[in-house]
Amino acid sequence: MLKTIGIDIGGTKIAGVLMDANDQVLREAKVPTPAEDGQAIIEAVIAMIEELKAGHEITAAGVAAAGFIDAAQSEVRYAPNLNWRNEPLKAKLEAALGFPVFIENDANAAGWAEYRFGAGRKSKNMVMLTIGTGVGGAIVVDGKMFRGGFGIGAELGHIRLIPDGIMCGCGQRGCLEQYGSGTALLNRAKELISSGIAVDSLLGQKVTTADELTGSHVFEALQANDELALGLLNELGSYLGQAIATLTAVLDPEVVVIGGGVSILGEKLLAPIRDAYLEHLPARGFRPELSLVSAELVNDAGAIGAADLAREHSAAR
């Protein structure tokens, strides 16, 4: 029976699954990501794959990582958080493991899992935005993963949203990631605390200085329906909705799936995104309106998507 392994290399943990031909997850594994050591990460991935495949015949493995993956899906061209530059990851893993390995962008893998098994499974054209430390993206067009001419398409967090805006890690200013991510939400909350505006808010009551504020503090305030925190979430949602309206003009998706850590807020996040999308939608009233939904697989999506994409690649060989 055709079995594949999927690995998702995150900033804090590496997650893996063993999946069979019936889309069933047979085994799971998780370990902390070795800090800032590319070789140690590779060794941890190899050890996890060996653990997951014990007693099973494996056809292939898919490995998802944040960063730019080349068109051949063999090399990590640029992964800032993992300190990889032109890293021949496929070759290293295949040499150690002895079977085919396919490399994938982490947001692509998560998006594919939602398309195949989650919130986007009834569509043929889907966009996914992952809202976490940054903003990741995935695009499925006519049932196929869109990667672009050089393999690094769908970097939706780097759509230029605000001319001459906040400096982004990509080297440009005004990217969506600087306005629509969990990090952006936290930074805005810190600004308000520093300015003294948050003194009557739960945000201001939880800390004495802005530097003490964490994402957990912001989440707790949102869960308690703190007015100031909800205002910041509405602001974040407005930026995301504007970006989705722009993407709609180009891609015309049936569904946009919102994933990542911030997506657990559900309708509190979706409502302002939906309002801004409709406000900025080109030719509104004369075109179908897409469905905006929360991701269903969340933390398991990257590994499941990587395993399923490895199966798809193997079948095509």
C-alpha atoms as a PDB file:
ATOM      1  CA  MET A   1       0.000   0.000   0.000  1.00  0.00           C
ATOM      2  CA  LEU A   2       1.296   3.441  -0.956  1.00  0.00           C
ATOM      3  CA  LYS A   3       2.547   5.259   2.136  1.00  0.00           C
ATOM      4  CA  THR A   4       4.241   8.623   2.397  1.00  0.00           C
ATOM      5  CA  ILE A   5       5.708  10.779   5.135  1.00  0.00           C
ATOM      6  CA  GLY A   6       5.161  14.503   5.559  1.00  0.00           C
ATOM      7  CA  ILE A   7       7.424  16.784   7.595  1.00  0.00           C
ATOM      8  CA  ASP A   8       6.718  20.419   8.508  1.00  0.00           C
ATOM      9  CA  ILE A   9       9.753  22.375   9.728  1.00  0.00           C
ATOM     10  CA  GLY A  10       8.523  25.239  11.888  1.00  0.00           C
ATOM     11  CA  GLY A  11      10.326  27.929  13.807  1.00  0.00           C
ATOM     12  CA  THR A  12       9.730  26.212  17.148  1.00  0.00           C
ATOM     13  CA  LYS A  13       8.874  22.597  16.278  1.00  0.00           C
ATOM     14  CA  ILE A  14       9.237  19.955  13.582  1.00  0.00           C
ATOM     15  CA  ALA A  15       6.050  17.946  13.012  1.00  0.00           C
ATOM     16  CA  GLY A  16       5.675  14.763  10.995  1.00  0.00           C
ATOM     17  CA  VAL A  17       3.034  12.270   9.886  1.00  0.00           C
ATOM     18  CA  LEU A  18       2.935   8.867   8.215  1.00  0.00           C
ATOM     19  CA  MET A  19      -0.043   8.681   5.842  1.00  0.00           C
ATOM     20  CA  ASP A  20      -1.466   5.744   3.890  1.00  0.00           C
ATOM     21  CA  ALA A  21      -3.188   5.576   0.506  1.00  0.00           C
ATOM     22  CA  ASN A  22      -6.593   6.038   2.152  1.00  0.00           C
ATOM     23  CA  ASP A  23      -5.584   9.446   3.537  1.00  0.00           C
ATOM     24  CA  GLN A  24      -5.338   8.075   7.054  1.00  0.00           C
ATOM     25  CA  VAL A  25      -2.643   9.372   9.398  1.00  0.00           C
ATOM     26  CA  LEU A  26      -1.018   6.265  10.894  1.00  0.00           C
ATOM     27  CA  ARG A  27       1.643   7.933  13.020  1.00  0.00           C
ATOM     28  CA  GLU A  28       2.563  11.405  14.228  1.00  0.00           C
ATOM     29  CA  ALA A  29       5.716  12.885  15.746  1.00  0.00           C
ATOM     30  CA  LYS A  30       6.893  16.263  17.038  1.00  0.00           C
ATOM     31  CA  VAL A  31      10.232  17.558  18.312  1.00  0.00           C
ATOM     32  CA  PRO A  32      11.573  21.051  19.073  1.00  0.00           C
ATOM     33  CA  THR A  33      13.363  22.711  16.157  1.00  0.00           C
ATOM     34  CA  PRO A  34      17.117  22.976  16.820  1.00  0.00           C
ATOM     35  CA  ALA A  35      17.897  26.663  17.224  1.00  0.00           C
ATOM     36  CA  GLU A  36      19.686  28.384  14.324  1.00  0.00           C
ATOM     37  CA  ASP A  37      21.574  25.275  13.228  1.00  0.00           C
ATOM     38  CA  GLY A  38      20.782  24.147   9.697  1.00  0.00           C
ATOM     39  CA  GLN A  39      22.704  20.864   9.913  1.00  0.00           C
ATOM     40  CA  ALA A  40      21.066  19.962  13.220  1.00  0.00           C
ATOM     41  CA  ILE A  41      17.655  20.562  11.609  1.00  0.00           C
ATOM     42  CA  ILE A  42      18.521  18.211   8.759  1.00  0.00           C
ATOM     43  CA  GLU A  43      19.618  15.548  11.228  1.00  0.00           C
ATOM     44  CA  ALA A  44      16.398  15.992  13.233  1.00  0.00           C
ATOM     45  CA  VAL A  45      14.317  15.590  10.061  1.00  0.00           C
ATOM     46  CA  ILE A  46      16.186  12.413   9.102  1.00  0.00           C
ATOM     47  CA  ALA A  47      15.698  10.972  12.597  1.00  0.00           C
ATOM     48  CA  MET A  48      11.970  11.787  12.527  1.00  0.00           C
ATOM     49  CA  ILE A  49      11.486  10.177   9.110  1.00  0.00           C
ATOM     50  CA  GLU A  50      13.326   7.039  10.264  1.00  0.00           C
ATOM     51  CA  GLU A  51      11.105   6.918  13.347  1.00  0.00           C
ATOM     52  CA  LEU A  52       7.883   7.356  11.369  1.00  0.00           C
ATOM     53  CA  LYS A  53       8.737   4.769   8.702  1.00  0.00           C
ATOM     54  CA  ALA A  54       9.857   2.022  11.088  1.00  0.00           C
ATOM     55  CA  GLY A  55       8.112  -1.196  10.010  1.00  0.00           C
ATOM     56  CA  HIS A  56       6.596   0.370   6.883  1.00  0.00           C
ATOM     57  CA  GLU A  57       7.602   0.555   3.226  1.00  0.00           C
ATOM     58  CA  ILE A  58       7.694   4.214   2.228  1.00  0.00           C
ATOM     59  CA  THR A  59       7.242   5.514  -1.305  1.00  0.00           C
ATOM     60  CA  ALA A  60       8.419   9.096  -0.698  1.00  0.00           C
ATOM     61  CA  ALA A  61       8.599  11.920   1.811  1.00  0.00           C
ATOM     62  CA  GLY A  62       7.583  15.541   1.527  1.00  0.00           C
ATOM     63  CA  VAL A  63       9.384  18.173   3.597  1.00  0.00           C
ATOM     64  CA  ALA A  64       7.842  21.620   4.069  1.00  0.00           C
ATOM     65  CA  ALA A  65       9.903  24.619   5.161  1.00  0.00           C
ATOM     66  CA  ALA A  66       9.358  28.363   5.295  1.00  0.00           C
ATOM     67  CA  GLY A  67      11.250  30.083   2.507  1.00  0.00           C
ATOM     68  CA  PHE A  68      11.832  30.171  -1.234  1.00  0.00           C
ATOM     69  CA  ILE A  69      11.926  26.708  -2.831  1.00  0.00           C
ATOM     70  CA  ASP A  70      13.297  26.335  -6.362  1.00  0.00           C
ATOM     71  CA  ALA A  71      11.149  25.154  -9.279  1.00  0.00           C
ATOM     72  CA  ALA A  72      12.682  21.666  -9.145  1.00  0.00           C
ATOM     73  CA  GLN A  73      11.597  21.418  -5.501  1.00  0.00           C
ATOM     74  CA  SER A  74      15.042  20.342  -4.452  1.00  0.00           C
ATOM     75  CA  GLU A  75      16.783  23.412  -3.029  1.00  0.00           C
ATOM     76  CA  VAL A  76      15.855  25.932  -0.343  1.00  0.00           C
ATOM     77  CA  ARG A  77      17.016  29.156  -1.939  1.00  0.00           C
ATOM     78  CA  TYR A  78      16.271  31.399   1.013  1.00  0.00           C
ATOM     79  CA  ALA A  79      14.918  30.560   4.464  1.00  0.00           C
ATOM     80  CA  PRO A  80      15.666  33.492   6.773  1.00  0.00           C
ATOM     81  CA  ASN A  81      14.480  31.878  10.000  1.00  0.00           C
ATOM     82  CA  LEU A  82      16.393  28.643   9.341  1.00  0.00           C
ATOM     83  CA  ASN A  83      19.554  30.353   8.080  1.00  0.00           C
ATOM     84  CA  TRP A  84      19.517  28.390   4.809  1.00  0.00           C
ATOM     85  CA  ARG A  85      20.838  29.913   1.565  1.00  0.00           C
ATOM     86  CA  ASN A  86      20.811  27.719  -1.568  1.00  0.00           C
ATOM     87  CA  GLU A  87      20.593  24.664   0.680  1.00  0.00           C
ATOM     88  CA  PRO A  88      20.511  21.380  -1.359  1.00  0.00           C
ATOM     89  CA  LEU A  89      18.042  19.843   1.067  1.00  0.00           C
ATOM     90  CA  LYS A  90      16.578  17.232  -1.280  1.00  0.00           C
ATOM     91  CA  ALA A  91      19.980  15.779  -2.170  1.00  0.00           C
ATOM     92  CA  LYS A  92      21.102  15.609   1.457  1.00  0.00           C
ATOM     93  CA  LEU A  93      17.913  13.913   2.641  1.00  0.00           C
ATOM     94  CA  GLU A  94      17.775  11.430  -0.234  1.00  0.00           C
ATOM     95  CA  ALA A  95      21.419  10.476   0.306  1.00  0.00           C
ATOM     96  CA  ALA A  96      20.649   9.672   3.933  1.00  0.00           C
ATOM     97  CA  LEU A  97      17.261   8.016   3.453  1.00  0.00           C
ATOM     98  CA  GLY A  98      17.526   6.171   0.131  1.00  0.00           C
ATOM     99  CA  PHE A  99      14.093   7.078  -1.256  1.00  0.00           C
ATOM    100  CA  PRO A 100      12.590  10.132  -3.047  1.00  0.00           C
ATOM    101  CA  VAL A 101      12.135  13.352  -1.081  1.00  0.00           C
ATOM    102  CA  PHE A 102      10.272  16.443  -2.307  1.00  0.00           C
ATOM    103  CA  ILE A 103      10.751  19.899  -0.832  1.00  0.00           C
ATOM    104  CA  GLU A 104       7.806  22.295  -0.495  1.00  0.00           C
ATOM    105  CA  ASN A 105       7.094  25.740   0.887  1.00  0.00           C
ATOM    106  CA  ASP A 106       5.319  25.399   4.240  1.00  0.00           C
ATOM    107  CA  ALA A 107       2.370  27.638   3.337  1.00  0.00           C
ATOM    108  CA  ASN A 108       1.898  25.714   0.084  1.00  0.00           C
ATOM    109  CA  ALA A 109       1.820  22.448   2.008  1.00  0.00           C
ATOM    110  CA  ALA A 110      -0.710  23.777   4.525  1.00  0.00           C
ATOM    111  CA  GLY A 111      -2.833  25.239   1.747  1.00  0.00           C
ATOM    112  CA  TRP A 112      -2.812  21.957  -0.158  1.00  0.00           C
ATOM    113  CA  ALA A 113      -3.974  20.080   2.937  1.00  0.00           C
ATOM    114  CA  GLU A 114      -6.895  22.488   3.361  1.00  0.00           C
ATOM    115  CA  TYR A 115      -7.742  22.129  -0.334  1.00  0.00           C
ATOM    116  CA  ARG A 116      -7.655  18.332  -0.262  1.00  0.00           C
ATOM    117  CA  PHE A 117      -9.024  17.556   3.190  1.00  0.00           C
ATOM    118  CA  GLY A 118     -10.102  20.756   4.943  1.00  0.00           C
ATOM    119  CA  ALA A 119     -11.965  24.012   4.456  1.00  0.00           C
ATOM    120  CA  GLY A 120     -11.291  24.266   0.710  1.00  0.00           C
ATOM    121  CA  ARG A 121     -12.098  20.687  -0.284  1.00  0.00           C
ATOM    122  CA  LYS A 122     -15.253  21.545  -2.278  1.00  0.00           C
ATOM    123  CA  SER A 123     -13.507  24.106  -4.479  1.00  0.00           C
ATOM    124  CA  LYS A 124     -11.285  23.978  -7.553  1.00  0.00           C
ATOM    125  CA  ASN A 125      -9.778  27.455  -7.126  1.00  0.00           C
ATOM    126  CA  MET A 126      -8.661  28.411  -3.625  1.00  0.00           C
ATOM    127  CA  VAL A 127      -6.422  30.908  -1.901  1.00  0.00           C
ATOM    128  CA  MET A 128      -5.108  30.419   1.617  1.00  0.00           C
ATOM    129  CA  LEU A 129      -3.612  33.088   3.852  1.00  0.00           C
ATOM    130  CA  THR A 130      -1.810  31.955   6.995  1.00  0.00           C
ATOM    131  CA  ILE A 131      -1.846  34.665   9.657  1.00  0.00           C
ATOM    132  CA  GLY A 132       0.857  34.130  12.243  1.00  0.00           C
ATOM    133  CA  THR A 133       4.299  35.590  12.840  1.00  0.00           C
ATOM    134  CA  GLY A 134       4.121  36.641   9.183  1.00  0.00           C
ATOM    135  CA  VAL A 135       1.583  36.203   6.387  1.00  0.00           C
ATOM    136  CA  GLY A 136       1.997  33.108   4.237  1.00  0.00           C
ATOM    137  CA  GLY A 137       0.079  32.241   1.119  1.00  0.00           C
ATOM    138  CA  ALA A 138      -0.973  29.333  -1.068  1.00  0.00           C
ATOM    139  CA  ILE A 139      -2.857  29.288  -4.365  1.00  0.00           C
ATOM    140  CA  VAL A 140      -4.666  26.372  -6.000  1.00  0.00           C
ATOM    141  CA  VAL A 141      -5.806  26.926  -9.594  1.00  0.00           C
ATOM    142  CA  ASP A 142      -8.026  24.363 -11.354  1.00  0.00           C
ATOM    143  CA  GLY A 143      -7.052  21.759  -8.789  1.00  0.00           C
ATOM    144  CA  LYS A 144      -3.305  22.297  -9.119  1.00  0.00           C
ATOM    145  CA  MET A 145      -0.840  23.980  -6.780  1.00  0.00           C
ATOM    146  CA  PHE A 146       0.416  27.253  -8.233  1.00  0.00           C
ATOM    147  CA  ARG A 147       4.163  27.741  -7.742  1.00  0.00           C
ATOM    148  CA  GLY A 148       5.061  30.203 -10.475  1.00  0.00           C
ATOM    149  CA  GLY A 149       7.799  30.135 -13.095  1.00  0.00           C
ATOM    150  CA  PHE A 150      10.680  29.905 -10.608  1.00  0.00           C
ATOM    151  CA  GLY A 151       8.916  27.948  -7.842  1.00  0.00           C
ATOM    152  CA  ILE A 152       8.475  30.858  -5.434  1.00  0.00           C
ATOM    153  CA  GLY A 153       5.034  32.179  -6.360  1.00  0.00           C
ATOM    154  CA  ALA A 154       2.197  32.818  -3.875  1.00  0.00           C
ATOM    155  CA  GLU A 155       4.337  34.875  -1.476  1.00  0.00           C
ATOM    156  CA  LEU A 156       1.145  36.763  -0.661  1.00  0.00           C
ATOM    157  CA  GLY A 157       2.496  38.354   2.499  1.00  0.00           C
ATOM    158  CA  HIS A 158       4.723  40.480   0.293  1.00  0.00           C
ATOM    159  CA  ILE A 159       2.024  42.166  -1.712  1.00  0.00           C
ATOM    160  CA  ARG A 160       2.820  45.872  -1.485  1.00  0.00           C
ATOM    161  CA  LEU A 161      -0.145  47.338   0.362  1.00  0.00           C
ATOM    162  CA  ILE A 162       1.049  50.726   1.668  1.00  0.00           C
ATOM    163  CA  PRO A 163       3.411  52.814  -0.524  1.00  0.00           C
ATOM    164  CA  ASP A 164       6.502  53.782   1.489  1.00  0.00           C
ATOM    165  CA  GLY A 165       5.063  51.942   4.495  1.00  0.00           C
ATOM    166  CA  ILE A 166       6.728  49.912   7.249  1.00  0.00           C
ATOM    167  CA  MET A 167      10.022  48.256   6.309  1.00  0.00           C
ATOM    168  CA  CYS A 168       9.642  44.530   5.744  1.00  0.00           C
ATOM    169  CA  GLY A 169      12.188  41.752   6.158  1.00  0.00           C
ATOM    170  CA  CYS A 170      12.056  41.171   2.395  1.00  0.00           C
ATOM    171  CA  GLY A 171      13.733  44.546   1.847  1.00  0.00           C
ATOM    172  CA  GLN A 172      10.656  46.422   0.644  1.00  0.00           C
ATOM    173  CA  ARG A 173       8.254  48.754   2.430  1.00  0.00           C
ATOM    174  CA  GLY A 174       4.523  48.438   2.988  1.00  0.00           C
ATOM    175  CA  CYS A 175       4.079  44.674   2.574  1.00  0.00           C
ATOM    176  CA  LEU A 176       0.857  43.044   3.764  1.00  0.00           C
ATOM    177  CA  GLU A 177       2.892  41.085   6.320  1.00  0.00           C
ATOM    178  CA  GLN A 178       3.692  44.313   8.165  1.00  0.00           C
ATOM    179  CA  TYR A 179      -0.005  45.145   8.598  1.00  0.00           C
ATOM    180  CA  GLY A 180      -1.941  41.864   8.547  1.00  0.00           C
ATOM    181  CA  SER A 181       0.117  39.438  10.674  1.00  0.00           C
ATOM    182  CA  GLY A 182       0.031  38.438  14.323  1.00  0.00           C
ATOM    183  CA  THR A 183       3.311  40.300  14.750  1.00  0.00           C
ATOM    184  CA  ALA A 184       1.739  43.432  13.300  1.00  0.00           C
ATOM    185  CA  LEU A 185      -1.170  43.122  15.739  1.00  0.00           C
ATOM    186  CA  LEU A 186       1.231  42.842  18.674  1.00  0.00           C
ATOM    187  CA  ASN A 187       3.336  45.781  17.464  1.00  0.00           C
ATOM    188  CA  ARG A 188       0.260  48.017  17.134  1.00  0.00           C
ATOM    189  CA  ALA A 189      -0.826  47.085  20.657  1.00  0.00           C
ATOM    190  CA  LYS A 190       2.634  47.990  21.959  1.00  0.00           C
ATOM    191  CA  GLU A 191       2.436  51.360  20.190  1.00  0.00           C
ATOM    192  CA  LEU A 192      -0.829  52.169  21.946  1.00  0.00           C
ATOM    193  CA  ILE A 193       0.564  51.178  25.338  1.00  0.00           C
ATOM    194  CA  SER A 194       3.638  53.348  24.771  1.00  0.00           C
ATOM    195  CA  SER A 195       1.427  56.290  23.791  1.00  0.00           C
ATOM    196  CA  GLY A 196      -0.720  55.950  26.926  1.00  0.00           C
ATOM    197  CA  ILE A 197      -3.904  55.311  24.941  1.00  0.00           C
ATOM    198  CA  ALA A 198      -4.278  51.783  26.339  1.00  0.00           C
ATOM    199  CA  VAL A 199      -4.340  52.819  29.995  1.00  0.00           C
ATOM    200  CA  ASP A 200      -8.026  51.905  30.429  1.00  0.00           C
ATOM    201  CA  SER A 201      -7.807  48.783  28.274  1.00  0.00           C
ATOM    202  CA  LEU A 202      -7.120  45.226  29.422  1.00  0.00           C
ATOM    203  CA  LEU A 203      -3.968  45.509  27.345  1.00  0.00           C
ATOM    204  CA  GLY A 204      -2.697  48.332  29.505  1.00  0.00           C
ATOM    205  CA  GLN A 205      -3.732  46.623  32.719  1.00  0.00           C
ATOM    206  CA  LYS A 206      -1.741  43.464  32.008  1.00  0.00           C
ATOM    207  CA  VAL A 207       1.674  45.110  31.742  1.00  0.00           C
ATOM    208  CA  THR A 208       3.559  48.141  33.009  1.00  0.00           C
ATOM    209  CA  THR A 209       5.619  48.700  29.852  1.00  0.00           C
ATOM    210  CA  ALA A 210       5.019  47.958  26.177  1.00  0.00           C
ATOM    211  CA  ASP A 211       8.014  45.608  26.032  1.00  0.00           C
ATOM    212  CA  GLU A 212       6.291  43.258  28.484  1.00  0.00           C
ATOM    213  CA  LEU A 213       3.283  42.739  26.212  1.00  0.00           C
ATOM    214  CA  THR A 214       3.027  39.345  24.475  1.00  0.00           C
ATOM    215  CA  GLY A 215       0.762  37.798  21.897  1.00  0.00           C
ATOM    216  CA  SER A 216      -0.951  35.861  24.698  1.00  0.00           C
ATOM    217  CA  HIS A 217      -1.901  39.135  26.393  1.00  0.00           C
ATOM    218  CA  VAL A 218      -3.449  40.403  23.168  1.00  0.00           C
ATOM    219  CA  PHE A 219      -5.321  37.130  22.636  1.00  0.00           C
ATOM    220  CA  GLU A 220      -6.719  37.216  26.186  1.00  0.00           C
ATOM    221  CA  ALA A 221      -7.941  40.776  25.644  1.00  0.00           C
ATOM    222  CA  LEU A 222      -9.611  39.756  22.386  1.00  0.00           C
ATOM    223  CA  GLN A 223     -11.282  36.794  24.040  1.00  0.00           C
ATOM    224  CA  ALA A 224     -12.626  39.172  26.689  1.00  0.00           C
ATOM    225  CA  ASN A 225     -13.972  41.499  23.954  1.00  0.00           C
ATOM    226  CA  ASP A 226     -11.756  44.357  25.068  1.00  0.00           C
ATOM    227  CA  GLU A 227     -12.795  47.358  22.960  1.00  0.00           C
ATOM    228  CA  LEU A 228      -9.286  48.537  22.147  1.00  0.00           C
ATOM    229  CA  ALA A 229      -8.043  45.049  21.251  1.00  0.00           C
ATOM    230  CA  LEU A 230     -11.066  44.461  19.005  1.00  0.00           C
ATOM    231  CA  GLY A 231     -10.357  47.783  17.298  1.00  0.00           C
ATOM    232  CA  LEU A 232      -6.834  46.602  16.487  1.00  0.00           C
ATOM    233  CA  LEU A 233      -8.191  43.299  15.169  1.00  0.00           C
ATOM    234  CA  ASN A 234     -10.651  45.188  12.963  1.00  0.00           C
ATOM    235  CA  GLU A 235      -7.751  47.255  11.626  1.00  0.00           C
ATOM    236  CA  LEU A 236      -5.782  44.097  10.848  1.00  0.00           C
ATOM    237  CA  GLY A 237      -8.830  42.532   9.200  1.00  0.00           C
ATOM    238  CA  SER A 238      -9.315  45.615   7.061  1.00  0.00           C
ATOM    239  CA  TYR A 239      -5.836  45.257   5.573  1.00  0.00           C
ATOM    240  CA  LEU A 240      -6.356  41.561   4.900  1.00  0.00           C
ATOM    241  CA  GLY A 241      -9.737  42.202   3.279  1.00  0.00           C
ATOM    242  CA  GLN A 242      -8.262  44.830   0.968  1.00  0.00           C
ATOM    243  CA  ALA A 243      -5.548  42.384  -0.093  1.00  0.00           C
ATOM    244  CA  ILE A 244      -8.118  39.651  -0.744  1.00  0.00           C
ATOM    245  CA  ALA A 245     -10.138  42.008  -2.943  1.00  0.00           C
ATOM    246  CA  THR A 246      -6.981  42.691  -4.968  1.00  0.00           C
ATOM    247  CA  LEU A 247      -6.228  38.973  -5.243  1.00  0.00           C
ATOM    248  CA  THR A 248      -9.808  38.384  -6.380  1.00  0.00           C
ATOM    249  CA  ALA A 249      -9.294  40.718  -9.336  1.00  0.00           C
ATOM    250  CA  VAL A 250      -6.388  38.543 -10.470  1.00  0.00           C
ATOM    251  CA  LEU A 251      -7.260  34.990  -9.388  1.00  0.00           C
ATOM    252  CA  ASP A 252     -11.072  34.923  -8.963  1.00  0.00           C
ATOM    253  CA  PRO A 253     -11.012  32.161  -6.293  1.00  0.00           C
ATOM    254  CA  GLU A 254     -14.152  30.464  -5.028  1.00  0.00           C
ATOM    255  CA  VAL A 255     -12.813  30.200  -1.481  1.00  0.00           C
ATOM    256  CA  VAL A 256     -10.270  32.032   0.666  1.00  0.00           C
ATOM    257  CA  VAL A 257      -9.149  30.045   3.697  1.00  0.00           C
ATOM    258  CA  ILE A 258      -7.704  31.917   6.681  1.00  0.00           C
ATOM    259  CA  GLY A 259      -5.217  29.812   8.640  1.00  0.00           C
ATOM    260  CA  GLY A 260      -2.351  30.350  11.062  1.00  0.00           C
ATOM    261  CA  GLY A 261      -2.411  31.025  14.782  1.00  0.00           C
ATOM    262  CA  VAL A 262      -4.607  34.119  14.592  1.00  0.00           C
ATOM    263  CA  SER A 263      -7.327  32.163  12.724  1.00  0.00           C
ATOM    264  CA  ILE A 264      -8.493  30.540  15.978  1.00  0.00           C
ATOM    265  CA  LEU A 265     -10.334  33.814  16.655  1.00  0.00           C
ATOM    266  CA  GLY A 266     -12.867  32.663  14.075  1.00  0.00           C
ATOM    267  CA  GLU A 267     -15.615  35.105  13.203  1.00  0.00           C
ATOM    268  CA  LYS A 268     -14.002  37.897  15.237  1.00  0.00           C
ATOM    269  CA  LEU A 269     -11.286  37.921  12.592  1.00  0.00           C
ATOM    270  CA  LEU A 270     -13.369  36.867   9.587  1.00  0.00           C
ATOM    271  CA  ALA A 271     -16.021  39.589  10.023  1.00  0.00           C
ATOM    272  CA  PRO A 272     -13.715  42.616   9.500  1.00  0.00           C
ATOM    273  CA  ILE A 273     -11.894  40.791   6.686  1.00  0.00           C
ATOM    274  CA  ARG A 274     -15.207  40.101   4.960  1.00  0.00           C
ATOM    275  CA  ASP A 275     -16.403  43.703   5.366  1.00  0.00           C
ATOM    276  CA  ALA A 276     -13.213  45.140   3.860  1.00  0.00           C
ATOM    277  CA  TYR A 277     -13.188  42.568   1.044  1.00  0.00           C
ATOM    278  CA  LEU A 278     -16.715  43.560   0.015  1.00  0.00           C
ATOM    279  CA  GLU A 279     -15.944  47.262   0.338  1.00  0.00           C
ATOM    280  CA  HIS A 280     -12.951  47.006  -1.996  1.00  0.00           C
ATOM    281  CA  LEU A 281     -14.204  44.282  -4.355  1.00  0.00           C
ATOM    282  CA  PRO A 282     -13.969  45.435  -8.002  1.00  0.00           C
ATOM    283  CA  ALA A 283     -17.371  45.522  -9.751  1.00  0.00           C
ATOM    284  CA  ARG A 284     -19.194  44.464  -6.612  1.00  0.00           C
ATOM    285  CA  GLY A 285     -22.749  43.448  -7.368  1.00  0.00           C
ATOM    286  CA  PHE A 286     -21.862  42.224 -10.836  1.00  0.00           C
ATOM    287  CA  ARG A 287     -19.721  39.231  -9.935  1.00  0.00           C
ATOM    288  CA  PRO A 288     -19.993  36.218  -7.601  1.00  0.00           C
ATOM    289  CA  GLU A 289     -18.611  36.732  -4.102  1.00  0.00           C
ATOM    290  CA  LEU A 290     -16.181  34.199  -2.699  1.00  0.00           C
ATOM    291  CA  SER A 291     -16.550  32.265   0.551  1.00  0.00           C
ATOM    292  CA  LEU A 292     -14.277  33.314   3.414  1.00  0.00           C
ATOM    293  CA  VAL A 293     -13.702  30.512   5.915  1.00  0.00           C
ATOM    294  CA  SER A 294     -11.370  29.495   8.734  1.00  0.00           C
ATOM    295  CA  ALA A 295      -8.893  26.662   8.264  1.00  0.00           C
ATOM    296  CA  GLU A 296      -9.933  23.294   9.639  1.00  0.00           C
ATOM    297  CA  LEU A 297      -6.649  21.392   9.986  1.00  0.00           C
ATOM    298  CA  VAL A 298      -4.621  24.252  11.557  1.00  0.00           C
ATOM    299  CA  ASN A 299      -1.485  22.818  13.243  1.00  0.00           C
ATOM    300  CA  ASP A 300      -1.450  19.519  11.317  1.00  0.00           C
ATOM    301  CA  ALA A 301      -1.940  21.029   7.863  1.00  0.00           C
ATOM    302  CA  GLY A 302       1.716  21.456   6.877  1.00  0.00           C
ATOM    303  CA  ALA A 303       2.760  17.865   7.543  1.00  0.00           C
ATOM    304  CA  ILE A 304      -0.411  16.371   6.031  1.00  0.00           C
ATOM    305  CA  GLY A 305      -0.088  18.534   2.932  1.00  0.00           C
ATOM    306  CA  ALA A 306       3.579  17.603   2.518  1.00  0.00           C
ATOM    307  CA  ALA A 307       2.729  13.884   2.738  1.00  0.00           C
ATOM    308  CA  ASP A 308      -0.068  14.188   0.186  1.00  0.00           C
ATOM    309  CA  LEU A 309       2.053  16.242  -2.222  1.00  0.00           C
ATOM    310  CA  ALA A 310       4.809  13.617  -1.967  1.00  0.00           C
ATOM    311  CA  ARG A 311       2.251  10.991  -2.994  1.00  0.00           C
ATOM    312  CA  GLU A 312       1.148  13.155  -5.931  1.00  0.00           C
ATOM    313  CA  HIS A 313       4.747  13.628  -7.090  1.00  0.00           C
ATOM    314  CA  SER A 314       5.453   9.916  -6.789  1.00  0.00           C
ATOM    315  CA  ALA A 315       2.413   9.033  -8.904  1.00  0.00           C
ATOM    316  CA  ALA A 316       3.561  11.466 -11.596  1.00  0.00           C
ATOM    317  CA  ARG A 317       7.056   9.997 -11.855  1.00  0.00           C
END
